[in-house]
């Protein structure tokens, strides 16, 4: 099930406009992208996944990633964990 109020209509780019995504950053692995923030975590099949907001991409491009995909995002992970421990 999915809440349809979270959907928004797709609008075609105007003639002459194009949607340009940022290129991958050069990291330890090919096709490495820069993490802007870790937004959430969840447990799936006994493994933790993190909701990643990618730098230069909209929220519709956020993805759930396992920890092994976030080797270059130590600062973002530390900040996420620190904010989770902080009293609200």
Protein backbone atom coordinates (compact mmCIF):
# COMPACT_ATOMS: atom_id res chain seq x y z
CA UNK A 1 0.00 0.00 0.00
CA UNK A 2 1.07 3.56 -0.68
CA UNK A 3 -0.43 6.88 0.40
CA UNK A 4 -1.46 8.54 -2.86
CA UNK A 5 -1.33 12.01 -1.31
CA UNK A 6 2.47 11.69 -1.32
CA UNK A 7 2.48 11.47 -5.12
CA UNK A 8 2.91 14.48 -7.34
CA UNK A 9 2.32 14.63 -11.09
CA UNK A 10 5.25 14.42 -13.46
CA UNK A 11 5.78 17.50 -15.59
CA UNK A 12 7.67 17.16 -18.86
CA UNK A 13 10.56 19.61 -19.19
CA UNK A 14 9.86 22.58 -21.43
CA UNK A 15 11.34 22.44 -24.94
CA UNK A 16 15.02 23.23 -24.70
CA UNK A 17 15.16 22.25 -21.03
CA UNK A 18 16.72 19.08 -19.80
CA UNK A 19 17.04 17.47 -16.41
CA UNK A 20 20.71 17.19 -15.64
CA UNK A 21 21.81 15.02 -12.75
CA UNK A 22 25.20 15.64 -11.13
CA UNK A 23 27.95 13.24 -12.16
CA UNK A 24 29.31 10.67 -9.70
CA UNK A 25 32.10 11.90 -7.44
CA UNK A 26 35.44 10.15 -7.54
CA UNK A 27 35.53 8.03 -4.40
CA UNK A 28 37.06 4.73 -3.42
CA UNK A 29 34.71 2.88 -5.75
CA UNK A 30 33.58 3.61 -9.31
CA UNK A 31 30.25 5.42 -9.64
CA UNK A 32 30.49 6.76 -6.10
CA UNK A 33 27.99 9.49 -5.15
CA UNK A 34 28.26 12.05 -2.35
CA UNK A 35 25.95 11.67 0.63
CA UNK A 36 24.25 14.88 1.75
CA UNK A 37 22.58 13.36 4.81
CA UNK A 38 21.38 10.16 6.41
CA UNK A 39 17.68 10.68 7.12
CA UNK A 40 16.48 7.46 8.75
CA UNK A 41 17.27 3.82 9.43
CA UNK A 42 15.31 0.59 9.36
CA UNK A 43 15.86 -3.12 9.80
CA UNK A 44 15.17 -5.40 6.84
CA UNK A 45 15.93 -9.12 6.85
CA UNK A 46 18.00 -8.73 10.04
CA UNK A 47 20.19 -6.01 8.47
CA UNK A 48 20.19 -2.26 9.02
CA UNK A 49 19.55 0.04 6.06
CA UNK A 50 19.92 3.81 5.98
CA UNK A 51 17.80 6.29 4.04
CA UNK A 52 20.29 8.39 2.09
CA UNK A 53 19.73 11.90 0.69
CA UNK A 54 22.23 12.25 -2.17
CA UNK A 55 23.98 15.58 -2.73
CA UNK A 56 22.59 17.36 -5.79
CA UNK A 57 19.52 15.12 -6.09
CA UNK A 58 15.92 15.69 -5.00
CA UNK A 59 14.19 13.76 -2.23
CA UNK A 60 12.52 11.56 -4.85
CA UNK A 61 15.99 10.09 -5.48
CA UNK A 62 16.59 9.07 -1.83
CA UNK A 63 17.49 5.40 -1.46
CA UNK A 64 17.73 2.80 1.30
CA UNK A 65 21.33 1.59 1.46
CA UNK A 66 23.09 -1.11 3.50
CA UNK A 67 26.06 -0.05 5.62
CA UNK A 68 28.57 -1.58 3.19
CA UNK A 69 27.48 0.98 0.55
CA UNK A 70 28.28 3.89 2.88
CA UNK A 71 32.03 3.43 3.44
CA UNK A 72 32.72 7.00 2.25
CA UNK A 73 29.94 8.50 4.40
CA UNK A 74 31.43 8.14 7.90
CA UNK A 75 30.73 11.78 8.82
CA UNK A 76 27.08 11.59 7.71
CA UNK A 77 26.60 8.34 9.65
CA UNK A 78 28.20 9.81 12.78
CA UNK A 79 26.00 12.91 12.57
CA UNK A 80 22.88 10.76 12.07
CA UNK A 81 23.72 8.58 15.08
CA UNK A 82 24.51 11.63 17.23
CA UNK A 83 21.19 13.28 16.35
CA UNK A 84 19.31 10.06 17.13
CA UNK A 85 20.79 9.98 20.64
CA UNK A 86 20.14 13.66 21.36
CA UNK A 87 17.01 14.34 23.45
CA UNK A 88 14.16 15.83 21.46
